[in-house]
Amino acid sequence: MKKIIFTEKAPAPIGPYSQAVLSGNTLYTSGQIAINPENNELVTGNIEDETRQVMENMKSVLEAAGMDFENVIKATIFISDMNDFARINAIYGAYFNEKTAPARETVQVACLPKNVNVEISMIAVK
């Protein structure tokens, strides 16, 4: 049995996918990019602002499922330029307790939706 998770506090899906799916106690999120859900515009000022918006979107999706970043067991970060890794990591890391941080991989890719610089997806468990 699966439950579709949706919140207006994160960008609405623009295709045949859900913001997240809860299956049992496990939440699978779709990748979030830096779209501000209040005005549906991309946040593109700098990589820190972009990453912060991604994490705030993810926070909203987790909250809609009754979870928070402590529930996250796995994260995947897709970035367009590995040279941005340290700056992305600094913002990302501020949302987690380092002692209980999830497993993670970071992958540089050729292109992301809307030509953003970072996209993050997560798996969380209640």
Protein backbone atom coordinates (compact mmCIF):
# COMPACT_ATOMS: atom_id res chain seq x y z
CA MET A 1 0.00 0.00 0.00
CA LYS A 2 1.35 3.41 -0.89
CA LYS A 3 0.32 6.90 0.11
CA ILE A 4 1.04 9.89 -2.10
CA ILE A 5 2.53 12.83 -0.22
CA PHE A 6 1.78 16.36 -1.42
CA THR A 7 2.31 19.80 0.08
CA GLU A 8 1.79 23.26 -1.35
CA LYS A 9 4.92 24.30 0.59
CA ALA A 10 7.09 22.57 -2.05
CA PRO A 11 7.02 22.85 -5.84
CA ALA A 12 4.14 20.98 -7.45
CA PRO A 13 5.10 18.10 -9.73
CA ILE A 14 5.26 19.08 -13.40
CA GLY A 15 4.90 15.59 -14.79
CA PRO A 16 3.74 12.07 -13.96
CA TYR A 17 5.40 11.83 -10.54
CA SER A 18 4.67 12.67 -6.89
CA GLN A 19 6.61 14.86 -4.47
CA ALA A 20 6.99 11.72 -2.37
CA VAL A 21 5.51 8.28 -1.82
CA LEU A 22 5.09 6.69 1.60
CA SER A 23 5.21 2.90 1.53
CA GLY A 24 4.78 1.41 4.97
CA ASN A 25 7.17 3.40 7.17
CA THR A 26 9.48 4.36 4.30
CA LEU A 27 9.28 7.65 2.42
CA TYR A 28 10.76 7.97 -1.06
CA THR A 29 11.06 11.57 -2.22
CA SER A 30 11.38 12.83 -5.74
CA GLY A 31 14.33 15.06 -6.46
CA GLN A 32 13.87 18.65 -5.40
CA ILE A 33 15.34 21.61 -7.25
CA ALA A 34 15.45 25.27 -6.24
CA ILE A 35 11.95 26.34 -7.22
CA ASN A 36 10.38 28.72 -4.74
CA PRO A 37 6.86 27.31 -4.22
CA GLU A 38 5.46 30.76 -3.36
CA ASN A 39 6.09 32.21 -6.82
CA ASN A 40 7.11 29.10 -8.83
CA GLU A 41 10.38 30.78 -9.83
CA LEU A 42 13.89 29.35 -9.74
CA VAL A 43 16.27 30.59 -7.06
CA THR A 44 19.48 31.25 -8.97
CA GLY A 45 21.38 33.92 -7.00
CA ASN A 46 24.27 31.65 -6.02
CA ILE A 47 24.88 27.98 -5.25
CA GLU A 48 24.30 28.52 -1.51
CA ASP A 49 20.87 30.11 -2.07
CA GLU A 50 19.98 27.43 -4.60
CA THR A 51 20.97 24.62 -2.22
CA ARG A 52 19.14 26.24 0.70
CA GLN A 53 15.92 26.40 -1.37
CA VAL A 54 16.31 22.73 -2.32
CA MET A 55 16.72 21.79 1.35
CA GLU A 56 13.75 23.94 2.42
CA ASN A 57 11.63 22.25 -0.25
CA MET A 58 12.77 18.86 1.02
CA LYS A 59 12.02 19.92 4.60
CA SER A 60 8.44 20.74 3.55
CA VAL A 61 8.00 17.36 1.85
CA LEU A 62 9.36 15.53 4.89
CA GLU A 63 7.04 17.51 7.20
CA ALA A 64 4.04 16.68 4.99
CA ALA A 65 4.82 13.02 5.71
CA GLY A 66 5.19 13.66 9.46
CA MET A 67 8.98 13.42 9.34
CA ASP A 68 12.08 15.59 9.51
CA PHE A 69 15.75 15.32 8.58
CA GLU A 70 16.42 12.96 11.50
CA ASN A 71 14.30 10.38 9.67
CA VAL A 72 16.43 10.53 6.52
CA ILE A 73 18.52 7.39 5.99
CA LYS A 74 19.79 8.04 2.43
CA ALA A 75 20.33 11.11 0.29
CA THR A 76 21.42 11.51 -3.30
CA ILE A 77 22.86 14.81 -4.52
CA PHE A 78 23.15 15.53 -8.22
CA ILE A 79 25.31 18.52 -9.12
CA SER A 80 26.28 20.10 -12.41
CA ASP A 81 29.81 21.05 -11.27
CA MET A 82 31.86 19.12 -8.71
CA ASN A 83 33.74 22.37 -8.00
CA ASP A 84 30.58 23.49 -6.13
CA PHE A 85 30.69 20.44 -3.84
CA ALA A 86 32.15 22.17 -0.75
CA ARG A 87 29.65 25.04 -0.87
CA ILE A 88 26.70 22.69 -1.44
CA ASN A 89 27.93 20.39 1.32
CA ALA A 90 28.16 23.28 3.81
CA ILE A 91 24.48 24.18 3.31
CA TYR A 92 23.32 20.55 3.14
CA GLY A 93 25.25 19.68 6.30
CA ALA A 94 23.58 22.45 8.30
CA TYR A 95 20.29 20.51 8.10
CA PHE A 96 21.68 17.35 9.73
CA ASN A 97 23.24 16.27 12.99
CA GLU A 98 26.66 15.09 11.85
CA LYS A 99 26.56 12.13 14.27
CA THR A 100 23.31 10.80 12.78
CA ALA A 101 23.66 12.03 9.18
CA PRO A 102 22.29 9.73 6.47
CA ALA A 103 24.23 7.70 3.95
CA ARG A 104 24.80 9.73 0.79
CA GLU A 105 26.33 9.92 -2.64
CA THR A 106 27.08 13.01 -4.68
CA VAL A 107 27.24 12.69 -8.45
CA GLN A 108 28.19 15.22 -11.09
CA VAL A 109 25.82 15.07 -14.05
CA ALA A 110 25.80 16.67 -17.49
CA CYS A 111 22.49 18.49 -17.08
CA LEU A 112 19.66 18.83 -14.57
CA PRO A 113 16.02 19.92 -15.05
CA LYS A 114 15.67 23.62 -15.89
CA ASN A 115 19.50 23.76 -16.03
CA VAL A 116 19.75 24.03 -12.24
CA ASN A 117 23.02 23.34 -10.44
CA VAL A 118 21.78 20.96 -7.74
CA GLU A 119 19.00 18.40 -7.21
CA ILE A 120 18.54 16.30 -4.06
CA SER A 121 16.38 13.26 -3.32
CA MET A 122 16.02 11.36 -0.05
CA ILE A 123 14.73 8.20 1.55
CA ALA A 124 13.39 8.50 5.10
CA VAL A 125 11.97 6.03 7.62
CA LYS A 126 9.58 6.63 10.54
